[in-house]
Amino acid sequence: MHGECGGHGGERVYRLAVGHEMAVC
């Protein structure tokens, strides 16, 4: 994959799910 703002090397992907609506940094 390649992000729209850059990144052309190897990548790691993590699944994120939250129990309620919230902001995450």
PDB file of all heavy atoms in Angstrom:
ATOM      1  N   MET A   1       0.843  -1.193   0.000  1.00  0.00           N
ATOM      2  CA  MET A   1       0.000   0.000   0.000  1.00  0.00           C
ATOM      3  C   MET A   1       0.879   1.243   0.000  1.00  0.00           C
ATOM      4  O   MET A   1       2.059   1.177   0.324  1.00  0.00           O
ATOM      5  CB  MET A   1      -0.892   0.005   1.239  1.00  0.00           C
ATOM      6  CG  MET A   1      -1.835  -1.166   1.298  1.00  0.00           C
ATOM      7  SD  MET A   1      -2.893  -1.148   2.731  1.00  0.00           S
ATOM      8  CE  MET A   1      -1.766  -1.613   4.027  1.00  0.00           C
ATOM      9  N   HIS A   2       0.275   2.356  -0.354  1.00  0.00           N
ATOM     10  CA  HIS A   2       0.961   3.641  -0.313  1.00  0.00           C
ATOM     11  C   HIS A   2      -0.045   4.676   0.152  1.00  0.00           C
ATOM     12  O   HIS A   2      -1.130   4.767  -0.407  1.00  0.00           O
ATOM     13  CB  HIS A   2       1.514   4.042  -1.683  1.00  0.00           C
ATOM     14  CG  HIS A   2       2.431   3.026  -2.276  1.00  0.00           C
ATOM     15  ND1 HIS A   2       3.679   2.776  -1.769  1.00  0.00           N
ATOM     16  CD2 HIS A   2       2.273   2.186  -3.312  1.00  0.00           C
ATOM     17  CE1 HIS A   2       4.257   1.819  -2.478  1.00  0.00           C
ATOM     18  NE2 HIS A   2       3.418   1.440  -3.417  1.00  0.00           N
ATOM     19  N   GLY A   3       0.333   5.448   1.172  1.00  0.00           N
ATOM     20  CA  GLY A   3      -0.549   6.508   1.628  1.00  0.00           C
ATOM     21  C   GLY A   3      -0.605   7.634   0.622  1.00  0.00           C
ATOM     22  O   GLY A   3       0.342   7.862  -0.123  1.00  0.00           O
ATOM     23  N   GLU A   4      -1.730   8.337   0.602  1.00  0.00           N
ATOM     24  CA  GLU A   4      -1.875   9.456  -0.318  1.00  0.00           C
ATOM     25  C   GLU A   4      -0.848  10.554  -0.045  1.00  0.00           C
ATOM     26  O   GLU A   4      -0.517  11.323  -0.933  1.00  0.00           O
ATOM     27  CB  GLU A   4      -3.285  10.029  -0.233  1.00  0.00           C
ATOM     28  CG  GLU A   4      -4.332   9.092  -0.795  1.00  0.00           C
ATOM     29  CD  GLU A   4      -5.733   9.655  -0.713  1.00  0.00           C
ATOM     30  OE1 GLU A   4      -5.897  10.867  -0.472  1.00  0.00           O
ATOM     31  OE2 GLU A   4      -6.678   8.872  -0.876  1.00  0.00           O
ATOM     32  N   CYS A   5      -0.315  10.599   1.187  1.00  0.00           N
ATOM     33  CA  CYS A   5       0.655  11.641   1.521  1.00  0.00           C
ATOM     34  C   CYS A   5       2.089  11.118   1.545  1.00  0.00           C
ATOM     35  O   CYS A   5       2.998  11.829   1.944  1.00  0.00           O
ATOM     36  CB  CYS A   5       0.290  12.301   2.847  1.00  0.00           C
ATOM     37  SG  CYS A   5       0.333  11.198   4.267  1.00  0.00           S
ATOM     38  N   GLY A   6       2.317   9.870   1.116  1.00  0.00           N
ATOM     39  CA  GLY A   6       3.679   9.357   1.049  1.00  0.00           C
ATOM     40  C   GLY A   6       3.802   7.939   1.556  1.00  0.00           C
ATOM     41  O   GLY A   6       2.817   7.294   1.909  1.00  0.00           O
ATOM     42  N   GLY A   7       5.033   7.476   1.610  1.00  0.00           N
ATOM     43  CA  GLY A   7       5.322   6.134   2.095  1.00  0.00           C
ATOM     44  C   GLY A   7       5.460   5.152   0.954  1.00  0.00           C
ATOM     45  O   GLY A   7       4.501   4.854   0.268  1.00  0.00           O
ATOM     46  N   HIS A   8       6.675   4.676   0.734  1.00  0.00           N
ATOM     47  CA  HIS A   8       6.904   3.738  -0.359  1.00  0.00           C
ATOM     48  C   HIS A   8       7.791   2.585   0.088  1.00  0.00           C
ATOM     49  O   HIS A   8       8.382   1.913  -0.733  1.00  0.00           O
ATOM     50  CB  HIS A   8       7.530   4.461  -1.561  1.00  0.00           C
ATOM     51  CG  HIS A   8       6.659   5.564  -2.058  1.00  0.00           C
ATOM     52  ND1 HIS A   8       5.493   5.342  -2.740  1.00  0.00           N
ATOM     53  CD2 HIS A   8       6.766   6.899  -1.933  1.00  0.00           C
ATOM     54  CE1 HIS A   8       4.928   6.494  -3.032  1.00  0.00           C
ATOM     55  NE2 HIS A   8       5.675   7.458  -2.549  1.00  0.00           N
ATOM     56  N   GLY A   9       7.874   2.387   1.404  1.00  0.00           N
ATOM     57  CA  GLY A   9       8.645   1.268   1.928  1.00  0.00           C
ATOM     58  C   GLY A   9       7.701   0.219   2.470  1.00  0.00           C
ATOM     59  O   GLY A   9       6.512   0.217   2.170  1.00  0.00           O
ATOM     60  N   GLY A  10       8.232  -0.651   3.300  1.00  0.00           N
ATOM     61  CA  GLY A  10       7.391  -1.675   3.918  1.00  0.00           C
ATOM     62  C   GLY A  10       6.447  -1.049   4.921  1.00  0.00           C
ATOM     63  O   GLY A  10       6.722  -0.001   5.483  1.00  0.00           O
ATOM     64  N   GLU A  11       5.310  -1.717   5.133  1.00  0.00           N
ATOM     65  CA  GLU A  11       4.349  -1.187   6.090  1.00  0.00           C
ATOM     66  C   GLU A  11       3.829  -2.283   7.009  1.00  0.00           C
ATOM     67  O   GLU A  11       3.851  -3.457   6.669  1.00  0.00           O
ATOM     68  CB  GLU A  11       3.185  -0.499   5.379  1.00  0.00           C
ATOM     69  CG  GLU A  11       2.279  -1.409   4.598  1.00  0.00           C
ATOM     70  CD  GLU A  11       2.637  -1.548   3.136  1.00  0.00           C
ATOM     71  OE1 GLU A  11       3.363  -0.708   2.585  1.00  0.00           O
ATOM     72  OE2 GLU A  11       2.187  -2.531   2.544  1.00  0.00           O
ATOM     73  N   ARG A  12       3.408  -1.852   8.175  1.00  0.00           N
ATOM     74  CA  ARG A  12       2.748  -2.724   9.148  1.00  0.00           C
ATOM     75  C   ARG A  12       1.342  -2.179   9.357  1.00  0.00           C
ATOM     76  O   ARG A  12       1.137  -0.972   9.423  1.00  0.00           O
ATOM     77  CB  ARG A  12       3.489  -2.746  10.481  1.00  0.00           C
ATOM     78  CG  ARG A  12       4.839  -3.382  10.417  1.00  0.00           C
ATOM     79  CD  ARG A  12       4.738  -4.872  10.138  1.00  0.00           C
ATOM     80  NE  ARG A  12       6.086  -5.427  10.073  1.00  0.00           N
ATOM     81  CZ  ARG A  12       6.364  -6.593   9.542  1.00  0.00           C
ATOM     82  NH1 ARG A  12       5.429  -7.341   9.025  1.00  0.00           N
ATOM     83  NH2 ARG A  12       7.604  -7.031   9.507  1.00  0.00           N
ATOM     84  N   VAL A  13       0.380  -3.092   9.483  1.00  0.00           N
ATOM     85  CA  VAL A  13      -1.024  -2.716   9.603  1.00  0.00           C
ATOM     86  C   VAL A  13      -1.563  -3.232  10.930  1.00  0.00           C
ATOM     87  O   VAL A  13      -1.315  -4.383  11.305  1.00  0.00           O
ATOM     88  CB  VAL A  13      -1.854  -3.302   8.439  1.00  0.00           C
ATOM     89  CG1 VAL A  13      -3.307  -2.891   8.554  1.00  0.00           C
ATOM     90  CG2 VAL A  13      -1.269  -2.889   7.096  1.00  0.00           C
ATOM     91  N   TYR A  14      -2.325  -2.378  11.617  1.00  0.00           N
ATOM     92  CA  TYR A  14      -2.924  -2.715  12.902  1.00  0.00           C
ATOM     93  C   TYR A  14      -4.421  -2.445  12.846  1.00  0.00           C
ATOM     94  O   TYR A  14      -4.850  -1.413  12.341  1.00  0.00           O
ATOM     95  CB  TYR A  14      -2.302  -1.873  14.027  1.00  0.00           C
ATOM     96  CG  TYR A  14      -0.827  -2.121  14.180  1.00  0.00           C
ATOM     97  CD1 TYR A  14       0.099  -1.339  13.504  1.00  0.00           C
ATOM     98  CD2 TYR A  14      -0.374  -3.155  14.988  1.00  0.00           C
ATOM     99  CE1 TYR A  14       1.459  -1.580  13.630  1.00  0.00           C
ATOM    100  CE2 TYR A  14       0.987  -3.398  15.123  1.00  0.00           C
ATOM    101  CZ  TYR A  14       1.893  -2.610  14.440  1.00  0.00           C
ATOM    102  OH  TYR A  14       3.237  -2.843  14.559  1.00  0.00           O
ATOM    103  N   ARG A  15      -5.208  -3.366  13.371  1.00  0.00           N
ATOM    104  CA  ARG A  15      -6.663  -3.207  13.455  1.00  0.00           C
ATOM    105  C   ARG A  15      -6.988  -2.426  14.722  1.00  0.00           C
ATOM    106  O   ARG A  15      -6.451  -2.712  15.794  1.00  0.00           O
ATOM    107  CB  ARG A  15      -7.323  -4.577  13.489  1.00  0.00           C
ATOM    108  CG  ARG A  15      -8.820  -4.537  13.543  1.00  0.00           C
ATOM    109  CD  ARG A  15      -9.365  -5.978  13.666  1.00  0.00           C
ATOM    110  NE  ARG A  15     -10.724  -5.958  14.097  1.00  0.00           N
ATOM    111  CZ  ARG A  15     -11.128  -5.888  15.358  1.00  0.00           C
ATOM    112  NH1 ARG A  15     -10.267  -5.822  16.339  1.00  0.00           N
ATOM    113  NH2 ARG A  15     -12.412  -5.878  15.656  1.00  0.00           N
ATOM    114  N   LEU A  16      -7.891  -1.455  14.590  1.00  0.00           N
ATOM    115  CA  LEU A  16      -8.318  -0.638  15.730  1.00  0.00           C
ATOM    116  C   LEU A  16      -9.835  -0.610  15.768  1.00  0.00           C
ATOM    117  O   LEU A  16     -10.479  -0.297  14.759  1.00  0.00           O
ATOM    118  CB  LEU A  16      -7.779   0.790  15.588  1.00  0.00           C
ATOM    119  CG  LEU A  16      -8.222   1.798  16.642  1.00  0.00           C
ATOM    120  CD1 LEU A  16      -7.648   1.444  18.008  1.00  0.00           C
ATOM    121  CD2 LEU A  16      -7.826   3.206  16.250  1.00  0.00           C
ATOM    122  N   ALA A  17     -10.407  -0.963  16.900  1.00  0.00           N
ATOM    123  CA  ALA A  17     -11.845  -0.868  17.132  1.00  0.00           C
ATOM    124  C   ALA A  17     -12.028  -0.331  18.544  1.00  0.00           C
ATOM    125  O   ALA A  17     -11.273  -0.686  19.454  1.00  0.00           O
ATOM    126  CB  ALA A  17     -12.518  -2.232  16.984  1.00  0.00           C
ATOM    127  N   VAL A  18     -12.999   0.545  18.730  1.00  0.00           N
ATOM    128  CA  VAL A  18     -13.245   1.146  20.039  1.00  0.00           C
ATOM    129  C   VAL A  18     -14.660   0.817  20.486  1.00  0.00           C
ATOM    130  O   VAL A  18     -15.536   0.532  19.672  1.00  0.00           O
ATOM    131  CB  VAL A  18     -13.023   2.678  20.006  1.00  0.00           C
ATOM    132  CG1 VAL A  18     -11.565   2.997  19.692  1.00  0.00           C
ATOM    133  CG2 VAL A  18     -13.937   3.352  19.005  1.00  0.00           C
ATOM    134  N   GLY A  19     -14.888   0.851  21.792  1.00  0.00           N
ATOM    135  CA  GLY A  19     -16.189   0.508  22.355  1.00  0.00           C
ATOM    136  C   GLY A  19     -17.218   1.619  22.285  1.00  0.00           C
ATOM    137  O   GLY A  19     -18.418   1.376  22.408  1.00  0.00           O
ATOM    138  N   HIS A  20     -16.769   2.840  22.122  1.00  0.00           N
ATOM    139  CA  HIS A  20     -17.669   3.992  22.017  1.00  0.00           C
ATOM    140  C   HIS A  20     -16.993   5.058  21.155  1.00  0.00           C
ATOM    141  O   HIS A  20     -15.782   5.011  20.959  1.00  0.00           O
ATOM    142  CB  HIS A  20     -18.003   4.547  23.406  1.00  0.00           C
ATOM    143  CG  HIS A  20     -16.806   5.010  24.172  1.00  0.00           C
ATOM    144  ND1 HIS A  20     -15.962   4.138  24.831  1.00  0.00           N
ATOM    145  CD2 HIS A  20     -16.280   6.245  24.365  1.00  0.00           C
ATOM    146  CE1 HIS A  20     -14.972   4.822  25.402  1.00  0.00           C
ATOM    147  NE2 HIS A  20     -15.148   6.101  25.140  1.00  0.00           N
ATOM    148  N   GLU A  21     -17.779   6.003  20.654  1.00  0.00           N
ATOM    149  CA  GLU A  21     -17.188   7.051  19.828  1.00  0.00           C
ATOM    150  C   GLU A  21     -16.158   7.811  20.649  1.00  0.00           C
ATOM    151  O   GLU A  21     -16.413   8.193  21.788  1.00  0.00           O
ATOM    152  CB  GLU A  21     -18.257   8.018  19.327  1.00  0.00           C
ATOM    153  CG  GLU A  21     -17.680   9.081  18.405  1.00  0.00           C
ATOM    154  CD  GLU A  21     -18.734  10.002  17.834  1.00  0.00           C
ATOM    155  OE1 GLU A  21     -19.753   9.504  17.346  1.00  0.00           O
ATOM    156  OE2 GLU A  21     -18.510  11.226  17.873  1.00  0.00           O
ATOM    157  N   MET A  22     -14.991   7.999  20.066  1.00  0.00           N
ATOM    158  CA  MET A  22     -13.929   8.702  20.783  1.00  0.00           C
ATOM    159  C   MET A  22     -12.857   9.189  19.822  1.00  0.00           C
ATOM    160  O   MET A  22     -12.690   8.638  18.741  1.00  0.00           O
ATOM    161  CB  MET A  22     -13.284   7.792  21.834  1.00  0.00           C
ATOM    162  CG  MET A  22     -12.578   6.582  21.255  1.00  0.00           C
ATOM    163  SD  MET A  22     -12.022   5.366  22.468  1.00  0.00           S
ATOM    164  CE  MET A  22     -10.602   6.162  23.140  1.00  0.00           C
ATOM    165  N   ALA A  23     -12.157  10.223  20.236  1.00  0.00           N
ATOM    166  CA  ALA A  23     -10.985  10.688  19.500  1.00  0.00           C
ATOM    167  C   ALA A  23      -9.779   9.887  19.975  1.00  0.00           C
ATOM    168  O   ALA A  23      -9.644   9.596  21.161  1.00  0.00           O
ATOM    169  CB  ALA A  23     -10.763  12.174  19.728  1.00  0.00           C
ATOM    170  N   VAL A  24      -8.925   9.537  19.038  1.00  0.00           N
ATOM    171  CA  VAL A  24      -7.712   8.783  19.332  1.00  0.00           C
ATOM    172  C   VAL A  24      -6.548   9.489  18.650  1.00  0.00           C
ATOM    173  O   VAL A  24      -6.619   9.840  17.473  1.00  0.00           O
ATOM    174  CB  VAL A  24      -7.829   7.333  18.797  1.00  0.00           C
ATOM    175  CG1 VAL A  24      -6.549   6.558  19.048  1.00  0.00           C
ATOM    176  CG2 VAL A  24      -9.013   6.621  19.407  1.00  0.00           C
ATOM    177  N   CYS A  25      -5.465   9.702  19.406  1.00  0.00           N
ATOM    178  CA  CYS A  25      -4.250  10.283  18.851  1.00  0.00           C
ATOM    179  C   CYS A  25      -3.283   9.146  18.527  1.00  0.00           C
ATOM    180  O   CYS A  25      -3.022   8.277  19.367  1.00  0.00           O
ATOM    181  CB  CYS A  25      -3.610  11.250  19.842  1.00  0.00           C
ATOM    182  SG  CYS A  25      -2.090  12.025  19.213  1.00  0.00           S
TER     183      CYS A  25
END
